[in-house]
Amino acid sequence: MPQINQLPLLGQVQSGDQIPVYTPENGDARRMPINLLRQYLAGFFEPISTGVQVINGSGAVSVTTPTTSYISVGVGDALTLADGTNGQLKNIVYVAEANAGDTGILTPANFGNGSTVTFNSVGNSVQLQFLSGEWWVVSLYGAVVA
């Protein structure tokens, strides 16, 4: 039987491929399909959300999507943000406005840096992280924290 480092390399993994696994309770190596390994590992990680929420005007910013794309429809659109989970990151980007001079005001439920973030012009953005029960600014571009 060849040593593991003598086996040919595999360029692409497919769900039916198998890997050797040493099982101490049996005292030997067995084979396991990659898809079974994926199912096993999935139990240790939270699913990664890749969606983008789009808000037109006032509304609740989602805590289940990593990014919110905000489009203003008036002056002082009210945006709210509920508490997240510890370590969670949230991006909010002001991408379009209905009229020149529109603004949006984000009010997180618990905000460590102040009470609001104001988006005054297209391109403004904020990245927040939820830690110890509060949202904290990680990155800010153009928006104003008050």
N, C-alpha and C. Protein backbone atom coordinates (compact mmCIF):
# COMPACT_ATOMS: atom_id res chain seq x y z
N MET A 1 0.84 -1.18 0.00
CA MET A 1 0.00 0.00 0.00
C MET A 1 0.89 1.24 0.00
N PRO A 2 0.61 2.23 -0.87
CA PRO A 2 1.47 3.42 -0.93
C PRO A 2 1.27 4.32 0.30
N GLN A 3 2.30 5.07 0.63
CA GLN A 3 2.21 6.06 1.69
C GLN A 3 1.31 7.21 1.22
N ILE A 4 0.70 7.93 2.15
CA ILE A 4 -0.24 8.99 1.78
C ILE A 4 0.41 10.05 0.90
N ASN A 5 1.68 10.37 1.15
CA ASN A 5 2.35 11.39 0.35
C ASN A 5 2.76 10.88 -1.03
N GLN A 6 2.55 9.59 -1.31
CA GLN A 6 2.85 9.03 -2.62
C GLN A 6 1.61 8.93 -3.51
N LEU A 7 0.46 9.23 -2.97
CA LEU A 7 -0.78 9.17 -3.75
C LEU A 7 -0.82 10.34 -4.74
N PRO A 8 -1.42 10.14 -5.90
CA PRO A 8 -1.52 11.25 -6.85
C PRO A 8 -2.40 12.37 -6.29
N LEU A 9 -2.08 13.62 -6.65
CA LEU A 9 -2.87 14.76 -6.20
C LEU A 9 -4.20 14.81 -6.92
N LEU A 10 -5.19 15.31 -6.20
CA LEU A 10 -6.52 15.48 -6.76
C LEU A 10 -6.73 16.96 -7.03
N GLY A 11 -7.06 17.33 -8.27
CA GLY A 11 -7.19 18.73 -8.64
C GLY A 11 -8.52 19.35 -8.27
N GLN A 12 -9.57 18.55 -8.16
CA GLN A 12 -10.90 19.07 -7.85
C GLN A 12 -11.64 18.04 -7.00
N VAL A 13 -12.31 18.50 -5.94
CA VAL A 13 -13.02 17.60 -5.03
C VAL A 13 -14.49 17.56 -5.43
N GLN A 14 -15.05 16.35 -5.42
CA GLN A 14 -16.47 16.17 -5.68
C GLN A 14 -17.09 15.44 -4.50
N SER A 15 -18.41 15.56 -4.34
CA SER A 15 -19.07 15.02 -3.15
C SER A 15 -18.89 13.51 -2.99
N GLY A 16 -18.71 12.77 -4.05
CA GLY A 16 -18.53 11.32 -3.94
C GLY A 16 -17.10 10.89 -3.64
N ASP A 17 -16.14 11.84 -3.69
CA ASP A 17 -14.75 11.50 -3.38
C ASP A 17 -14.65 11.05 -1.92
N GLN A 18 -13.61 10.28 -1.64
CA GLN A 18 -13.45 9.75 -0.29
C GLN A 18 -12.09 10.10 0.27
N ILE A 19 -12.03 10.21 1.60
CA ILE A 19 -10.78 10.50 2.29
C ILE A 19 -10.55 9.44 3.36
N PRO A 20 -9.28 9.15 3.68
CA PRO A 20 -9.01 8.19 4.77
C PRO A 20 -9.18 8.86 6.13
N VAL A 21 -9.77 8.14 7.06
CA VAL A 21 -9.98 8.64 8.42
C VAL A 21 -9.53 7.55 9.39
N TYR A 22 -8.66 7.91 10.32
CA TYR A 22 -8.24 6.95 11.33
C TYR A 22 -9.29 6.92 12.43
N THR A 23 -9.75 5.72 12.79
CA THR A 23 -10.75 5.58 13.85
C THR A 23 -10.11 4.86 15.04
N PRO A 24 -9.81 5.60 16.11
CA PRO A 24 -9.14 4.99 17.27
C PRO A 24 -9.92 3.85 17.89
N GLU A 25 -11.27 3.95 17.87
CA GLU A 25 -12.05 2.88 18.50
C GLU A 25 -11.92 1.56 17.74
N ASN A 26 -11.60 1.62 16.44
CA ASN A 26 -11.40 0.42 15.64
C ASN A 26 -9.92 0.10 15.45
N GLY A 27 -9.07 1.08 15.72
CA GLY A 27 -7.63 0.87 15.59
C GLY A 27 -7.16 0.79 14.15
N ASP A 28 -7.93 1.34 13.22
CA ASP A 28 -7.52 1.30 11.82
C ASP A 28 -8.05 2.52 11.07
N ALA A 29 -7.71 2.59 9.78
CA ALA A 29 -8.19 3.67 8.93
C ALA A 29 -9.37 3.18 8.11
N ARG A 30 -10.35 4.05 7.94
CA ARG A 30 -11.52 3.74 7.13
C ARG A 30 -11.66 4.85 6.09
N ARG A 31 -12.55 4.67 5.13
CA ARG A 31 -12.78 5.71 4.14
C ARG A 31 -14.11 6.41 4.43
N MET A 32 -14.12 7.72 4.12
CA MET A 32 -15.32 8.51 4.37
C MET A 32 -15.56 9.41 3.16
N PRO A 33 -16.82 9.45 2.65
CA PRO A 33 -17.12 10.35 1.54
C PRO A 33 -17.01 11.82 1.97
N ILE A 34 -16.56 12.67 1.07
CA ILE A 34 -16.41 14.09 1.33
C ILE A 34 -17.74 14.71 1.79
N ASN A 35 -18.86 14.32 1.17
CA ASN A 35 -20.14 14.92 1.55
C ASN A 35 -20.50 14.60 3.00
N LEU A 36 -20.09 13.44 3.53
CA LEU A 36 -20.32 13.11 4.93
C LEU A 36 -19.47 14.00 5.84
N LEU A 37 -18.24 14.26 5.43
CA LEU A 37 -17.38 15.17 6.18
C LEU A 37 -17.98 16.57 6.20
N ARG A 38 -18.51 17.03 5.05
CA ARG A 38 -19.14 18.34 4.98
C ARG A 38 -20.33 18.42 5.94
N GLN A 39 -21.16 17.37 5.97
CA GLN A 39 -22.31 17.36 6.87
C GLN A 39 -21.87 17.40 8.33
N TYR A 40 -20.82 16.66 8.65
CA TYR A 40 -20.30 16.63 10.01
C TYR A 40 -19.78 18.02 10.42
N LEU A 41 -19.00 18.65 9.56
CA LEU A 41 -18.42 19.95 9.88
C LEU A 41 -19.48 21.05 9.95
N ALA A 42 -20.55 20.93 9.17
CA ALA A 42 -21.61 21.94 9.17
C ALA A 42 -22.23 22.11 10.55
N GLY A 43 -22.20 21.08 11.36
CA GLY A 43 -22.75 21.15 12.71
C GLY A 43 -21.96 22.05 13.64
N PHE A 44 -20.74 22.44 13.24
CA PHE A 44 -19.89 23.26 14.09
C PHE A 44 -19.85 24.72 13.66
N PHE A 45 -20.46 25.05 12.53
CA PHE A 45 -20.40 26.41 12.00
C PHE A 45 -21.78 26.94 11.71
N GLU A 46 -21.96 28.25 11.93
CA GLU A 46 -23.22 28.88 11.57
C GLU A 46 -23.22 29.13 10.07
N PRO A 47 -24.38 29.05 9.43
CA PRO A 47 -24.43 29.30 8.00
C PRO A 47 -23.99 30.74 7.67
N ILE A 48 -23.35 30.90 6.54
CA ILE A 48 -22.91 32.20 6.10
C ILE A 48 -23.99 32.79 5.20
N SER A 49 -24.45 33.96 5.56
CA SER A 49 -25.45 34.64 4.75
C SER A 49 -24.74 35.55 3.76
N THR A 50 -25.14 35.48 2.52
CA THR A 50 -24.50 36.30 1.50
C THR A 50 -25.48 37.26 0.85
N GLY A 51 -26.68 37.35 1.37
CA GLY A 51 -27.69 38.19 0.76
C GLY A 51 -27.46 39.67 1.02
N VAL A 52 -28.10 40.48 0.20
CA VAL A 52 -28.08 41.93 0.38
C VAL A 52 -29.52 42.40 0.51
N GLN A 53 -29.80 43.08 1.60
CA GLN A 53 -31.11 43.68 1.80
C GLN A 53 -31.15 45.04 1.10
N VAL A 54 -32.25 45.35 0.47
CA VAL A 54 -32.45 46.67 -0.14
C VAL A 54 -33.59 47.36 0.60
N ILE A 55 -33.31 48.57 1.11
CA ILE A 55 -34.33 49.36 1.79
C ILE A 55 -34.58 50.61 0.96
N ASN A 56 -35.83 50.84 0.61
CA ASN A 56 -36.25 52.07 -0.06
C ASN A 56 -36.95 52.94 0.97
N GLY A 57 -36.29 54.00 1.41
CA GLY A 57 -36.88 54.88 2.42
C GLY A 57 -36.71 54.32 3.82
N SER A 58 -37.63 54.69 4.70
CA SER A 58 -37.56 54.25 6.10
C SER A 58 -37.80 52.75 6.21
N GLY A 59 -37.21 52.16 7.26
CA GLY A 59 -37.44 50.74 7.49
C GLY A 59 -36.45 50.14 8.46
N ALA A 60 -36.68 48.87 8.76
CA ALA A 60 -35.82 48.13 9.68
C ALA A 60 -34.67 47.50 8.89
N VAL A 61 -33.46 47.77 9.33
CA VAL A 61 -32.27 47.19 8.73
C VAL A 61 -32.17 45.74 9.23
N SER A 62 -32.00 44.82 8.31
CA SER A 62 -31.96 43.39 8.64
C SER A 62 -30.69 43.02 9.41
N VAL A 63 -30.86 42.17 10.42
CA VAL A 63 -29.70 41.63 11.11
C VAL A 63 -29.35 40.24 10.58
N THR A 64 -30.09 39.76 9.59
CA THR A 64 -29.81 38.42 9.04
C THR A 64 -29.06 38.46 7.71
N THR A 65 -28.86 39.65 7.15
CA THR A 65 -28.03 39.78 5.95
C THR A 65 -26.81 40.63 6.31
N PRO A 66 -25.65 40.34 5.74
CA PRO A 66 -24.46 41.10 6.11
C PRO A 66 -24.44 42.52 5.57
N THR A 67 -25.18 42.79 4.50
CA THR A 67 -25.14 44.11 3.88
C THR A 67 -26.54 44.63 3.60
N THR A 68 -26.73 45.92 3.85
CA THR A 68 -27.97 46.59 3.50
C THR A 68 -27.64 47.73 2.54
N SER A 69 -28.36 47.75 1.44
CA SER A 69 -28.25 48.78 0.43
C SER A 69 -29.41 49.75 0.66
N TYR A 70 -29.09 51.00 0.98
CA TYR A 70 -30.13 51.97 1.34
C TYR A 70 -30.36 52.96 0.20
N ILE A 71 -31.63 53.13 -0.17
CA ILE A 71 -32.04 54.10 -1.18
C ILE A 71 -33.00 55.07 -0.49
N SER A 72 -32.64 56.35 -0.48
CA SER A 72 -33.48 57.34 0.21
C SER A 72 -34.66 57.76 -0.65
N VAL A 73 -35.74 58.12 0.02
CA VAL A 73 -36.92 58.65 -0.67
C VAL A 73 -37.35 60.00 -0.10
N GLY A 74 -36.63 60.50 0.89
CA GLY A 74 -36.98 61.78 1.50
C GLY A 74 -35.91 62.23 2.48
N VAL A 75 -36.14 63.36 3.08
CA VAL A 75 -35.21 63.89 4.08
C VAL A 75 -35.52 63.23 5.42
N GLY A 76 -34.49 62.66 6.04
CA GLY A 76 -34.65 62.07 7.36
C GLY A 76 -35.32 60.71 7.41
N ASP A 77 -35.16 59.91 6.33
CA ASP A 77 -35.69 58.54 6.39
C ASP A 77 -35.20 57.86 7.67
N ALA A 78 -36.12 57.25 8.40
CA ALA A 78 -35.78 56.60 9.67
C ALA A 78 -35.41 55.14 9.44
N LEU A 79 -34.18 54.78 9.80
CA LEU A 79 -33.71 53.40 9.71
C LEU A 79 -33.46 52.90 11.13
N THR A 80 -33.91 51.69 11.42
CA THR A 80 -33.69 51.12 12.75
C THR A 80 -32.85 49.85 12.61
N LEU A 81 -32.13 49.53 13.66
CA LEU A 81 -31.29 48.32 13.67
C LEU A 81 -31.41 47.65 15.03
N ALA A 82 -31.98 46.44 15.03
CA ALA A 82 -32.11 45.67 16.27
C ALA A 82 -30.74 45.12 16.69
N ASP A 83 -30.67 44.61 17.90
CA ASP A 83 -29.43 43.99 18.37
C ASP A 83 -29.09 42.79 17.51
N GLY A 84 -27.79 42.56 17.32
CA GLY A 84 -27.31 41.41 16.57
C GLY A 84 -26.82 40.33 17.50
N THR A 85 -25.93 39.48 16.98
CA THR A 85 -25.30 38.45 17.79
C THR A 85 -23.84 38.84 18.02
N ASN A 86 -23.29 38.46 19.13
CA ASN A 86 -21.95 38.87 19.50
C ASN A 86 -20.94 38.52 18.40
N GLY A 87 -20.21 39.55 17.95
CA GLY A 87 -19.21 39.38 16.91
C GLY A 87 -19.72 39.65 15.50
N GLN A 88 -21.02 39.81 15.34
CA GLN A 88 -21.63 40.01 14.03
C GLN A 88 -21.20 41.34 13.41
N LEU A 89 -20.93 41.31 12.09
CA LEU A 89 -20.63 42.52 11.33
C LEU A 89 -21.83 42.90 10.48
N LYS A 90 -22.05 44.20 10.30
CA LYS A 90 -23.15 44.69 9.49
C LYS A 90 -22.66 45.88 8.67
N ASN A 91 -22.89 45.84 7.35
CA ASN A 91 -22.53 46.92 6.44
C ASN A 91 -23.79 47.60 5.93
N ILE A 92 -23.79 48.93 5.94
CA ILE A 92 -24.91 49.70 5.41
C ILE A 92 -24.32 50.73 4.44
N VAL A 93 -24.82 50.70 3.20
CA VAL A 93 -24.29 51.58 2.16
C VAL A 93 -25.43 52.38 1.54
N TYR A 94 -25.25 53.69 1.46
CA TYR A 94 -26.23 54.60 0.85
C TYR A 94 -25.92 54.60 -0.65
N VAL A 95 -26.79 53.97 -1.45
CA VAL A 95 -26.48 53.74 -2.86
C VAL A 95 -27.22 54.64 -3.84
N ALA A 96 -28.35 55.21 -3.46
CA ALA A 96 -29.11 56.06 -4.38
C ALA A 96 -30.09 56.93 -3.61
N GLU A 97 -30.49 58.05 -4.26
CA GLU A 97 -31.46 58.93 -3.63
C GLU A 97 -32.52 59.33 -4.64
N ALA A 98 -33.73 59.53 -4.14
CA ALA A 98 -34.83 59.94 -5.01
C ALA A 98 -34.67 61.40 -5.41
N ASN A 99 -34.24 62.23 -4.47
CA ASN A 99 -34.07 63.67 -4.71
C ASN A 99 -32.79 64.16 -4.06
N ALA A 100 -32.17 65.14 -4.66
CA ALA A 100 -30.98 65.73 -4.06
C ALA A 100 -31.35 66.25 -2.67
N GLY A 101 -30.47 66.02 -1.71
CA GLY A 101 -30.73 66.49 -0.35
C GLY A 101 -31.39 65.47 0.56
N ASP A 102 -31.80 64.32 0.00
CA ASP A 102 -32.37 63.27 0.85
C ASP A 102 -31.34 62.80 1.86
N THR A 103 -31.80 62.34 3.01
CA THR A 103 -30.92 61.80 4.05
C THR A 103 -31.57 60.62 4.73
N GLY A 104 -30.76 59.83 5.41
CA GLY A 104 -31.25 58.72 6.20
C GLY A 104 -30.61 58.76 7.57
N ILE A 105 -31.38 58.42 8.58
CA ILE A 105 -30.86 58.42 9.95
C ILE A 105 -31.06 57.03 10.54
N LEU A 106 -29.94 56.38 10.82
CA LEU A 106 -29.94 55.03 11.41
C LEU A 106 -29.89 55.14 12.92
N THR A 107 -30.82 54.45 13.60
CA THR A 107 -30.83 54.42 15.06
C THR A 107 -30.76 52.97 15.52
N PRO A 108 -29.55 52.51 15.90
CA PRO A 108 -29.45 51.16 16.44
C PRO A 108 -30.11 51.07 17.81
N ALA A 109 -30.64 49.89 18.15
CA ALA A 109 -31.28 49.68 19.45
C ALA A 109 -30.30 49.99 20.58
N ASN A 110 -29.07 49.53 20.44
CA ASN A 110 -28.00 49.79 21.41
C ASN A 110 -26.76 50.16 20.61
N PHE A 111 -26.27 51.40 20.82
CA PHE A 111 -25.18 51.92 20.01
C PHE A 111 -24.07 52.43 20.92
N GLY A 112 -22.91 51.82 20.85
CA GLY A 112 -21.80 52.18 21.73
C GLY A 112 -21.13 53.50 21.41
N ASN A 113 -21.26 53.98 20.16
CA ASN A 113 -20.58 55.21 19.75
C ASN A 113 -21.44 56.47 19.85
N GLY A 114 -22.70 56.35 20.17
CA GLY A 114 -23.59 57.51 20.22
C GLY A 114 -25.01 57.04 20.15
N SER A 115 -25.84 57.74 19.36
CA SER A 115 -27.23 57.31 19.24
C SER A 115 -27.68 57.13 17.80
N THR A 116 -27.02 57.82 16.83
CA THR A 116 -27.44 57.72 15.44
C THR A 116 -26.25 57.76 14.48
N VAL A 117 -26.51 57.29 13.26
CA VAL A 117 -25.60 57.46 12.12
C VAL A 117 -26.43 58.11 11.03
N THR A 118 -25.97 59.25 10.52
CA THR A 118 -26.70 59.97 9.47
C THR A 118 -25.98 59.82 8.14
N PHE A 119 -26.75 59.41 7.12
CA PHE A 119 -26.26 59.28 5.76
C PHE A 119 -26.71 60.51 5.00
N ASN A 120 -25.77 61.37 4.59
CA ASN A 120 -26.10 62.63 3.95
C ASN A 120 -25.99 62.62 2.44
N SER A 121 -25.19 61.72 1.89
CA SER A 121 -25.04 61.68 0.44
C SER A 121 -24.70 60.28 -0.04
N VAL A 122 -25.04 60.03 -1.29
CA VAL A 122 -24.79 58.73 -1.89
C VAL A 122 -23.31 58.40 -1.77
N GLY A 123 -23.01 57.18 -1.37
CA GLY A 123 -21.64 56.75 -1.16
C GLY A 123 -21.27 56.65 0.31
N ASN A 124 -22.04 57.30 1.17
CA ASN A 124 -21.80 57.18 2.61
C ASN A 124 -21.99 55.71 3.01
N SER A 125 -21.19 55.27 3.97
CA SER A 125 -21.33 53.89 4.43
C SER A 125 -20.82 53.75 5.85
N VAL A 126 -21.27 52.69 6.49
CA VAL A 126 -20.80 52.37 7.83
C VAL A 126 -20.71 50.85 7.96
N GLN A 127 -19.68 50.40 8.65
CA GLN A 127 -19.58 48.99 9.03
C GLN A 127 -19.63 48.97 10.55
N LEU A 128 -20.56 48.17 11.06
CA LEU A 128 -20.75 48.05 12.50
C LEU A 128 -20.43 46.62 12.95
N GLN A 129 -20.04 46.49 14.21
CA GLN A 129 -19.87 45.16 14.80
C GLN A 129 -20.60 45.15 16.13
N PHE A 130 -21.33 44.04 16.36
CA PHE A 130 -22.09 43.91 17.60
C PHE A 130 -21.22 43.18 18.62
N LEU A 131 -20.89 43.89 19.70
CA LEU A 131 -20.05 43.33 20.76
C LEU A 131 -20.59 43.73 22.12
N SER A 132 -20.67 42.78 23.03
CA SER A 132 -21.08 43.05 24.42
C SER A 132 -22.39 43.83 24.50
N GLY A 133 -23.34 43.48 23.64
CA GLY A 133 -24.67 44.08 23.72
C GLY A 133 -24.85 45.40 23.01
N GLU A 134 -23.83 45.84 22.24
CA GLU A 134 -23.94 47.13 21.54
C GLU A 134 -23.33 47.04 20.15
N TRP A 135 -23.86 47.86 19.23
CA TRP A 135 -23.25 48.04 17.92
C TRP A 135 -22.14 49.07 18.05
N TRP A 136 -20.99 48.78 17.44
CA TRP A 136 -19.83 49.69 17.46
C TRP A 136 -19.38 49.95 16.03
N VAL A 137 -18.98 51.19 15.75
CA VAL A 137 -18.48 51.54 14.42
C VAL A 137 -17.09 50.94 14.22
N VAL A 138 -16.95 50.19 13.13
CA VAL A 138 -15.66 49.64 12.74
C VAL A 138 -15.06 50.51 11.64
N SER A 139 -15.92 50.94 10.72
CA SER A 139 -15.48 51.76 9.59
C SER A 139 -16.60 52.73 9.24
N LEU A 140 -16.20 53.94 8.85
CA LEU A 140 -17.19 54.97 8.54
C LEU A 140 -16.68 55.76 7.34
N TYR A 141 -17.53 55.94 6.33
CA TYR A 141 -17.15 56.74 5.18
C TYR A 141 -18.25 57.77 4.91
N GLY A 142 -17.97 59.03 5.20
CA GLY A 142 -18.89 60.11 4.90
C GLY A 142 -20.07 60.27 5.84
N ALA A 143 -20.54 59.19 6.41
CA ALA A 143 -21.67 59.27 7.34
C ALA A 143 -21.24 59.95 8.63
N VAL A 144 -22.21 60.42 9.40
CA VAL A 144 -21.91 61.17 10.62
C VAL A 144 -22.51 60.44 11.83
N VAL A 145 -21.66 60.20 12.83
CA VAL A 145 -22.11 59.58 14.08
C VAL A 145 -22.41 60.70 15.08
N ALA A 146 -23.57 60.60 15.71
CA ALA A 146 -23.93 61.59 16.73
C ALA A 146 -24.50 60.88 17.95
